[in-house]
Protein backbone atom coordinates (compact mmCIF):
# COMPACT_ATOMS: atom_id res chain seq x y z
CA ASP A 1 0.00 0.00 0.00
CA GLN A 2 2.82 2.43 0.88
CA MET A 3 4.66 1.63 -2.33
CA SER A 4 1.50 2.31 -4.32
CA ARG A 5 1.30 5.76 -2.73
CA VAL A 6 4.95 6.46 -3.51
CA ILE A 7 4.51 5.44 -7.14
CA GLU A 8 1.32 7.53 -7.36
CA GLU A 9 3.22 10.56 -6.05
CA ALA A 10 5.86 10.02 -8.72
CA ARG A 11 3.15 9.75 -11.36
CA MET A 12 1.71 13.07 -10.24
CA VAL A 13 5.04 14.92 -10.36
CA LEU A 14 6.60 13.38 -13.46
CA PRO A 15 4.28 14.82 -16.17
CA GLY A 16 4.93 18.33 -14.90
CA ILE A 17 8.68 17.76 -14.94
CA GLN A 18 8.52 16.29 -18.42
CA ALA A 19 6.45 19.22 -19.72
CA LEU A 20 8.90 21.69 -18.18
CA PHE A 21 11.80 19.79 -19.75
CA GLY A 22 10.11 19.95 -23.14
CA PHE A 23 9.61 23.71 -22.92
CA GLN A 24 13.20 24.14 -21.75
CA THR A 25 14.62 22.27 -24.70
CA ILE A 26 12.48 24.18 -27.19
CA ALA A 27 13.55 27.56 -25.77
CA VAL A 28 17.08 27.31 -27.14
CA PHE A 29 15.70 27.23 -30.69
CA ASN A 30 13.95 30.57 -30.22
CA ASN A 31 15.74 33.46 -31.98
CA ARG A 32 15.45 35.62 -28.89
CA PHE A 33 17.30 33.05 -26.79
CA GLU A 34 20.61 33.55 -28.61
CA ARG A 35 20.35 37.32 -28.07
CA LEU A 36 20.22 36.87 -24.30
CA PRO A 37 23.41 37.63 -22.38
CA MET A 38 25.62 34.56 -21.98
CA HIS A 39 25.07 34.41 -18.19
CA VAL A 40 21.31 34.19 -18.76
CA GLN A 41 21.78 31.40 -21.31
CA ASP A 42 24.02 29.66 -18.77
CA CYS A 43 21.25 29.95 -16.15
CA HIS A 44 18.88 28.27 -18.57
CA LEU A 45 21.36 25.43 -19.10
CA GLY A 46 21.72 25.14 -15.33
CA ALA A 47 17.94 24.98 -15.00
CA LEU A 48 17.86 22.25 -17.62
CA ALA A 49 20.45 20.26 -15.69
CA PHE A 50 18.47 20.63 -12.45
CA VAL A 51 15.29 19.43 -14.15
CA VAL A 52 17.13 16.39 -15.55
CA ILE A 53 18.31 15.56 -12.02
CA ALA A 54 14.76 15.94 -10.71
CA MET A 55 13.42 13.71 -13.49
CA ALA A 56 16.01 11.04 -12.73
CA LEU A 57 15.15 11.09 -9.02
CA VAL A 58 11.40 10.87 -9.66
CA MET A 59 11.90 7.93 -12.01
CA LEU A 60 14.32 6.16 -9.66
CA PRO A 61 11.65 4.32 -7.61
CA ALA A 62 10.27 2.37 -10.56
CA ALA A 63 13.71 1.44 -11.89
CA TYR A 64 15.07 0.60 -8.44
CA HIS A 65 12.13 -1.61 -7.58
CA ARG A 66 12.12 -3.44 -10.92
CA LEU A 67 15.86 -4.10 -10.91
CA THR A 68 16.55 -4.86 -7.24
CA GLN A 69 13.45 -6.62 -5.94
CA PRO A 70 10.96 -7.49 -8.68
CA GLY A 71 7.87 -9.14 -7.35
CA ILE A 72 8.28 -7.98 -3.73
CA VAL A 73 8.20 -4.66 -1.93
CA SER A 74 10.58 -4.26 0.98
CA ARG A 75 10.70 -1.51 3.57
CA HIS A 76 14.07 -0.50 2.09
CA THR A 77 12.57 -0.05 -1.38
CA ILE A 78 9.82 2.16 0.06
CA GLU A 79 12.39 4.27 1.93
CA VAL A 80 14.66 4.66 -1.12
CA SER A 81 11.67 5.57 -3.28
CA SER A 82 10.23 8.04 -0.80
CA ILE A 83 13.58 9.76 -0.27
CA SER A 84 14.28 10.00 -4.00
CA ILE A 85 10.94 11.67 -4.73
CA CYS A 86 11.41 14.07 -1.83
CA CYS A 87 14.97 14.87 -2.94
CA ALA A 88 13.76 15.52 -6.49
CA LEU A 89 11.86 18.56 -5.28
CA ALA A 90 15.02 20.54 -4.42
CA PRO A 91 16.59 20.46 -7.91
CA LEU A 92 13.12 20.96 -9.39
CA ALA A 93 12.71 24.14 -7.31
CA ALA A 94 16.17 25.31 -8.42
CA GLY A 95 15.40 24.60 -12.09
CA VAL A 96 12.03 26.33 -12.03
CA SER A 97 13.48 29.33 -10.20
CA LEU A 98 16.36 29.70 -12.65
CA ASP A 99 13.90 29.57 -15.52
CA VAL A 100 11.71 32.19 -13.85
CA TYR A 101 14.82 34.37 -13.76
CA VAL A 102 15.48 33.68 -17.47
CA VAL A 103 11.89 34.45 -18.48
CA LEU A 104 11.80 37.66 -16.44
CA GLN A 105 15.14 38.68 -17.92
CA MET A 106 13.81 38.00 -21.41
CA VAL A 107 10.60 39.97 -20.81
CA THR A 108 11.87 42.91 -18.74
CA SER A 109 15.67 43.06 -19.27
CA GLN A 110 15.83 44.21 -15.64
CA GLU A 111 18.48 42.23 -13.77
CA GLY A 112 17.34 43.18 -10.26
CA PHE A 113 13.70 42.37 -10.94
CA SER A 114 14.65 39.09 -12.60
CA VAL A 115 16.89 38.02 -9.73
CA ALA A 116 14.18 38.96 -7.23
CA GLY A 117 11.56 36.98 -9.15
CA GLY A 118 13.77 33.92 -9.38
CA ALA A 119 14.71 34.15 -5.71
CA ALA A 120 11.08 34.64 -4.67
CA SER A 121 10.11 31.56 -6.69
CA PHE A 122 12.82 29.52 -4.98
CA VAL A 123 11.78 30.69 -1.51
CA LEU A 124 8.12 29.95 -2.26
CA LEU A 125 8.79 26.45 -3.58
CA ILE A 126 11.26 25.47 -0.85
CA GLY A 127 8.94 26.97 1.75
CA LEU A 128 5.89 25.02 0.55
CA TRP A 129 7.70 21.78 -0.31
CA PHE A 130 10.13 21.53 2.63
CA ILE A 131 9.82 24.14 5.39
CA TYR A 132 6.03 24.03 5.84
CA PRO A 133 5.92 20.20 5.93
CA PHE A 134 8.80 20.08 8.44
CA ILE A 135 7.06 22.63 10.66
CA SER A 136 3.80 20.66 10.40
CA ARG A 137 5.56 17.39 11.20
CA ARG A 138 7.22 18.97 14.24
CA ARG A 139 3.89 20.48 15.37
CA HIS A 140 2.09 17.11 15.00
CA ALA A 141 4.90 15.31 16.84
CA THR A 142 4.62 17.81 19.71
CA HIS A 143 0.83 17.41 19.92
CA HIS A 144 1.02 13.61 19.84
CA SER A 145 3.68 13.45 22.54
CA ILE A 146 1.63 15.47 25.04
């Protein structure tokens, strides 16, 4: 049952990552992309690399399970799968945030605004995907221990 939930979580996240990856790869063929400053193009390549890492981590559970323990589900497989999906969110947040910076730079040509937008995106995603859940887990642990 736990493994089914882990795989379902991966299935929910993966299409979004794949769509983002598709848009990222298409962007380099846009005429405006080559006119961007080299550091902005480098940020886009960095974002692409982060998204590839996230994709690999999200797809790890299925490959790991099929290759290491086909036919059975161990506690270890569930832990590896759960950790890999959770870890995928950090590079995904970095990739999305770098691309927000690139898009804002392309639209506004204002470095400060673009950096602020990318940083705000990163803070929002890390806050919702990591900090809020950790605070909630700590709060629930405190209430259950009383």
